[in-house]
Amino acid sequence: MSRSGADLALLLLGGFRALADRATAELAARGYEDVRPVHDFALRAILSGADNASELGRRMSIAKQSAAKTIAGLEERGFVRREPDPTDRRRIRLHVTEHGLAMLREGEAIFDELREQWEQQVSADAIKGLEDTLRRLLGNNTGRLDTPGWLMQDLGGDA
């Protein structure tokens, strides 16, 4: 068994993919069809202040055109709505709807369930140890909203 740095990176990515794919499938089973991980990143960016396509694109490291397409998809699913800015009626602001917040809460509950499944497979101590180790290695550099753009940067496209 190889213990290369590349193997470690692929294991970490594989863990992310396994959890994200299972959570996506479970969200669909619970009535949130056609939700993708990029939707979670976008909703969290909007909640943290990205209230227009330009700002969403910057935060996610994707082109404004891709951000606008993501917003349109979120609107179609009822996860966001556009509203006039109360201080400047010419500006339109993005807001996460209650439906969008409910989907995020459901996703978080699913990830908790998946964590419990992993704990049953290897033990709660093993998962806690893994998390502690990753926190020591990564510091505060977790949960980056620009991951969709970063994944696509060398492919010549956007998320």
C-alpha atoms as a PDB file:
ATOM      1  CA  MET A   1       0.000   0.000   0.000  1.00  0.00           C
ATOM      2  CA  SER A   2       1.437   3.347  -1.066  1.00  0.00           C
ATOM      3  CA  ARG A   3       1.739   6.161   1.432  1.00  0.00           C
ATOM      4  CA  SER A   4       2.429   8.977  -0.993  1.00  0.00           C
ATOM      5  CA  GLY A   5       1.269  12.522  -0.590  1.00  0.00           C
ATOM      6  CA  ALA A   6      -0.878  12.076  -3.680  1.00  0.00           C
ATOM      7  CA  ASP A   7      -2.603   9.099  -2.059  1.00  0.00           C
ATOM      8  CA  LEU A   8      -3.349  11.204   1.008  1.00  0.00           C
ATOM      9  CA  ALA A   9      -4.825  13.972  -1.135  1.00  0.00           C
ATOM     10  CA  LEU A  10      -6.974  11.472  -3.026  1.00  0.00           C
ATOM     11  CA  LEU A  11      -8.170   9.874   0.213  1.00  0.00           C
ATOM     12  CA  LEU A  12      -9.207  13.270   1.577  1.00  0.00           C
ATOM     13  CA  LEU A  13     -10.961  14.149  -1.675  1.00  0.00           C
ATOM     14  CA  GLY A  14     -12.578  10.709  -1.731  1.00  0.00           C
ATOM     15  CA  GLY A  15     -13.912  11.252   1.789  1.00  0.00           C
ATOM     16  CA  PHE A  16     -15.419  14.579   0.743  1.00  0.00           C
ATOM     17  CA  ARG A  17     -16.944  13.045  -2.402  1.00  0.00           C
ATOM     18  CA  ALA A  18     -18.374  10.064  -0.512  1.00  0.00           C
ATOM     19  CA  LEU A  19     -20.076  12.301   2.044  1.00  0.00           C
ATOM     20  CA  ALA A  20     -21.239  14.873  -0.530  1.00  0.00           C
ATOM     21  CA  ASP A  21     -22.613  12.226  -2.910  1.00  0.00           C
ATOM     22  CA  ARG A  22     -24.467  10.399  -0.143  1.00  0.00           C
ATOM     23  CA  ALA A  23     -25.855  13.658   1.254  1.00  0.00           C
ATOM     24  CA  THR A  24     -27.005  14.736  -2.220  1.00  0.00           C
ATOM     25  CA  ALA A  25     -28.796  11.423  -2.765  1.00  0.00           C
ATOM     26  CA  GLU A  26     -30.419  11.614   0.671  1.00  0.00           C
ATOM     27  CA  LEU A  27     -31.543  15.209   0.069  1.00  0.00           C
ATOM     28  CA  ALA A  28     -33.227  14.033  -3.135  1.00  0.00           C
ATOM     29  CA  ALA A  29     -34.944  11.220  -1.238  1.00  0.00           C
ATOM     30  CA  ARG A  30     -36.226  13.818   1.243  1.00  0.00           C
ATOM     31  CA  GLY A  31     -37.763  15.994  -1.458  1.00  0.00           C
ATOM     32  CA  TYR A  32     -34.871  18.266  -2.461  1.00  0.00           C
ATOM     33  CA  GLU A  33     -34.300  16.899  -5.953  1.00  0.00           C
ATOM     34  CA  ASP A  34     -31.553  18.197  -8.206  1.00  0.00           C
ATOM     35  CA  VAL A  35     -29.539  19.821  -5.398  1.00  0.00           C
ATOM     36  CA  ARG A  36     -25.779  19.881  -5.915  1.00  0.00           C
ATOM     37  CA  PRO A  37     -22.900  20.747  -3.585  1.00  0.00           C
ATOM     38  CA  VAL A  38     -22.397  24.022  -5.468  1.00  0.00           C
ATOM     39  CA  HIS A  39     -25.866  25.102  -4.302  1.00  0.00           C
ATOM     40  CA  ASP A  40     -24.766  24.744  -0.679  1.00  0.00           C
ATOM     41  CA  PHE A  41     -21.637  26.822  -1.331  1.00  0.00           C
ATOM     42  CA  ALA A  42     -23.712  29.507  -3.072  1.00  0.00           C
ATOM     43  CA  LEU A  43     -26.386  29.691  -0.360  1.00  0.00           C
ATOM     44  CA  ARG A  44     -23.742  29.979   2.343  1.00  0.00           C
ATOM     45  CA  ALA A  45     -21.985  32.731   0.385  1.00  0.00           C
ATOM     46  CA  ILE A  46     -25.279  34.618   0.040  1.00  0.00           C
ATOM     47  CA  LEU A  47     -25.969  34.213   3.754  1.00  0.00           C
ATOM     48  CA  SER A  48     -22.513  35.618   4.489  1.00  0.00           C
ATOM     49  CA  GLY A  49     -23.207  38.764   2.460  1.00  0.00           C
ATOM     50  CA  ALA A  50     -22.855  37.958  -1.259  1.00  0.00           C
ATOM     51  CA  ASP A  51     -26.096  39.649  -2.227  1.00  0.00           C
ATOM     52  CA  ASN A  52     -25.553  40.023  -5.982  1.00  0.00           C
ATOM     53  CA  ALA A  53     -24.045  38.053  -8.872  1.00  0.00           C
ATOM     54  CA  SER A  54     -20.756  39.967  -8.875  1.00  0.00           C
ATOM     55  CA  GLU A  55     -20.129  39.382  -5.189  1.00  0.00           C
ATOM     56  CA  LEU A  56     -21.238  35.757  -5.382  1.00  0.00           C
ATOM     57  CA  GLY A  57     -18.814  35.212  -8.250  1.00  0.00           C
ATOM     58  CA  ARG A  58     -15.957  36.774  -6.263  1.00  0.00           C
ATOM     59  CA  ARG A  59     -16.657  34.718  -3.156  1.00  0.00           C
ATOM     60  CA  MET A  60     -16.964  31.466  -5.067  1.00  0.00           C
ATOM     61  CA  SER A  61     -14.098  32.261  -7.507  1.00  0.00           C
ATOM     62  CA  ILE A  62     -16.359  31.841 -10.517  1.00  0.00           C
ATOM     63  CA  ALA A  63     -17.254  34.192 -13.358  1.00  0.00           C
ATOM     64  CA  LYS A  64     -20.136  36.605 -12.881  1.00  0.00           C
ATOM     65  CA  GLN A  65     -21.960  34.831 -15.732  1.00  0.00           C
ATOM     66  CA  SER A  66     -21.631  31.494 -13.892  1.00  0.00           C
ATOM     67  CA  ALA A  67     -22.783  33.129 -10.667  1.00  0.00           C
ATOM     68  CA  ALA A  68     -25.840  34.496 -12.473  1.00  0.00           C
ATOM     69  CA  LYS A  69     -26.593  31.014 -13.824  1.00  0.00           C
ATOM     70  CA  THR A  70     -26.227  29.560 -10.310  1.00  0.00           C
ATOM     71  CA  ILE A  71     -28.573  32.233  -8.943  1.00  0.00           C
ATOM     72  CA  ALA A  72     -31.145  31.449 -11.639  1.00  0.00           C
ATOM     73  CA  GLY A  73     -31.013  27.776 -10.654  1.00  0.00           C
ATOM     74  CA  LEU A  74     -31.416  28.648  -6.981  1.00  0.00           C
ATOM     75  CA  GLU A  75     -34.402  30.860  -7.838  1.00  0.00           C
ATOM     76  CA  GLU A  76     -36.015  28.083  -9.893  1.00  0.00           C
ATOM     77  CA  ARG A  77     -35.728  25.778  -6.880  1.00  0.00           C
ATOM     78  CA  GLY A  78     -37.181  28.453  -4.586  1.00  0.00           C
ATOM     79  CA  PHE A  79     -33.986  28.727  -2.510  1.00  0.00           C
ATOM     80  CA  VAL A  80     -33.345  32.436  -3.158  1.00  0.00           C
ATOM     81  CA  ARG A  81     -35.343  35.464  -4.205  1.00  0.00           C
ATOM     82  CA  ARG A  82     -34.344  38.845  -5.562  1.00  0.00           C
ATOM     83  CA  GLU A  83     -35.612  41.935  -3.776  1.00  0.00           C
ATOM     84  CA  PRO A  84     -35.061  45.650  -4.341  1.00  0.00           C
ATOM     85  CA  ASP A  85     -32.526  47.221  -1.997  1.00  0.00           C
ATOM     86  CA  PRO A  86     -34.481  49.346   0.506  1.00  0.00           C
ATOM     87  CA  THR A  87     -31.877  52.137   0.327  1.00  0.00           C
ATOM     88  CA  ASP A  88     -31.314  52.079  -3.451  1.00  0.00           C
ATOM     89  CA  ARG A  89     -34.322  50.844  -5.442  1.00  0.00           C
ATOM     90  CA  ARG A  90     -32.130  50.457  -8.545  1.00  0.00           C
ATOM     91  CA  ARG A  91     -30.172  47.642  -6.873  1.00  0.00           C
ATOM     92  CA  ILE A  92     -31.496  44.128  -6.511  1.00  0.00           C
ATOM     93  CA  ARG A  93     -30.360  42.051  -3.530  1.00  0.00           C
ATOM     94  CA  LEU A  94     -30.363  38.293  -3.075  1.00  0.00           C
ATOM     95  CA  HIS A  95     -32.025  36.715  -0.058  1.00  0.00           C
ATOM     96  CA  VAL A  96     -32.105  33.068   0.966  1.00  0.00           C
ATOM     97  CA  THR A  97     -35.720  31.950   1.364  1.00  0.00           C
ATOM     98  CA  GLU A  98     -37.131  29.866   4.183  1.00  0.00           C
ATOM     99  CA  HIS A  99     -37.171  26.955   1.714  1.00  0.00           C
ATOM    100  CA  GLY A 100     -33.451  27.475   1.110  1.00  0.00           C
ATOM    101  CA  LEU A 101     -32.751  27.630   4.849  1.00  0.00           C
ATOM    102  CA  ALA A 102     -34.802  24.474   5.369  1.00  0.00           C
ATOM    103  CA  MET A 103     -32.741  22.663   2.718  1.00  0.00           C
ATOM    104  CA  LEU A 104     -29.510  23.762   4.420  1.00  0.00           C
ATOM    105  CA  ARG A 105     -30.798  22.542   7.805  1.00  0.00           C
ATOM    106  CA  GLU A 106     -31.850  19.227   6.266  1.00  0.00           C
ATOM    107  CA  GLY A 107     -28.422  18.884   4.661  1.00  0.00           C
ATOM    108  CA  GLU A 108     -26.716  19.545   7.983  1.00  0.00           C
ATOM    109  CA  ALA A 109     -28.886  16.884   9.655  1.00  0.00           C
ATOM    110  CA  ILE A 110     -27.951  14.419   6.910  1.00  0.00           C
ATOM    111  CA  PHE A 111     -24.245  15.129   7.404  1.00  0.00           C
ATOM    112  CA  ASP A 112     -24.711  14.491  11.138  1.00  0.00           C
ATOM    113  CA  GLU A 113     -26.314  11.150  10.287  1.00  0.00           C
ATOM    114  CA  LEU A 114     -23.466  10.279   7.911  1.00  0.00           C
ATOM    115  CA  ARG A 115     -20.950  11.161  10.608  1.00  0.00           C
ATOM    116  CA  GLU A 116     -22.761   8.822  13.018  1.00  0.00           C
ATOM    117  CA  GLN A 117     -22.593   6.062  10.396  1.00  0.00           C
ATOM    118  CA  TRP A 118     -18.831   6.565  10.061  1.00  0.00           C
ATOM    119  CA  GLU A 119     -18.504   6.559  13.853  1.00  0.00           C
ATOM    120  CA  GLN A 120     -20.310   3.210  13.950  1.00  0.00           C
ATOM    121  CA  GLN A 121     -17.938   1.861  11.304  1.00  0.00           C
ATOM    122  CA  VAL A 122     -14.651   2.929  12.916  1.00  0.00           C
ATOM    123  CA  SER A 123     -15.560   4.450  16.347  1.00  0.00           C
ATOM    124  CA  ALA A 124     -16.409   7.941  17.564  1.00  0.00           C
ATOM    125  CA  ASP A 125     -12.855   8.330  18.885  1.00  0.00           C
ATOM    126  CA  ALA A 126     -11.376   7.589  15.456  1.00  0.00           C
ATOM    127  CA  ILE A 127     -13.557  10.238  13.768  1.00  0.00           C
ATOM    128  CA  LYS A 128     -12.808  12.783  16.510  1.00  0.00           C
ATOM    129  CA  GLY A 129      -9.099  12.031  16.158  1.00  0.00           C
ATOM    130  CA  LEU A 130      -9.306  12.515  12.398  1.00  0.00           C
ATOM    131  CA  GLU A 131     -11.057  15.855  12.861  1.00  0.00           C
ATOM    132  CA  ASP A 132      -8.571  16.987  15.507  1.00  0.00           C
ATOM    133  CA  THR A 133      -5.665  16.093  13.232  1.00  0.00           C
ATOM    134  CA  LEU A 134      -7.164  17.902  10.250  1.00  0.00           C
ATOM    135  CA  ARG A 135      -7.855  20.998  12.370  1.00  0.00           C
ATOM    136  CA  ARG A 136      -4.223  21.037  13.513  1.00  0.00           C
ATOM    137  CA  LEU A 137      -3.019  20.723   9.934  1.00  0.00           C
ATOM    138  CA  LEU A 138      -5.489  23.170   8.365  1.00  0.00           C
ATOM    139  CA  GLY A 139      -6.059  25.695  11.124  1.00  0.00           C
ATOM    140  CA  ASN A 140      -8.887  28.033  10.160  1.00  0.00           C
ATOM    141  CA  ASN A 141      -8.505  27.186   6.481  1.00  0.00           C
ATOM    142  CA  THR A 142     -11.633  25.021   6.279  1.00  0.00           C
ATOM    143  CA  GLY A 143     -15.053  25.505   4.735  1.00  0.00           C
ATOM    144  CA  ARG A 144     -13.887  27.745   1.906  1.00  0.00           C
ATOM    145  CA  LEU A 145     -16.690  29.034  -0.282  1.00  0.00           C
ATOM    146  CA  ASP A 146     -14.370  29.407  -3.287  1.00  0.00           C
ATOM    147  CA  THR A 147     -13.979  25.645  -3.702  1.00  0.00           C
ATOM    148  CA  PRO A 148     -16.237  25.413  -6.805  1.00  0.00           C
ATOM    149  CA  GLY A 149     -14.110  27.939  -8.681  1.00  0.00           C
ATOM    150  CA  TRP A 150     -10.865  26.436  -7.409  1.00  0.00           C
ATOM    151  CA  LEU A 151     -11.866  22.996  -8.684  1.00  0.00           C
ATOM    152  CA  MET A 152     -12.527  24.415 -12.152  1.00  0.00           C
ATOM    153  CA  GLN A 153      -9.663  26.904 -12.441  1.00  0.00           C
ATOM    154  CA  ASP A 154      -7.331  24.728 -14.465  1.00  0.00           C
ATOM    155  CA  LEU A 155     -10.097  23.252 -16.620  1.00  0.00           C
ATOM    156  CA  GLY A 156     -10.877  26.542 -18.312  1.00  0.00           C
ATOM    157  CA  GLY A 157     -14.427  26.645 -17.012  1.00  0.00           C
ATOM    158  CA  ASP A 158     -16.581  27.713 -14.143  1.00  0.00           C
ATOM    159  CA  ALA A 159     -18.711  25.827 -11.673  1.00  0.00           C
END
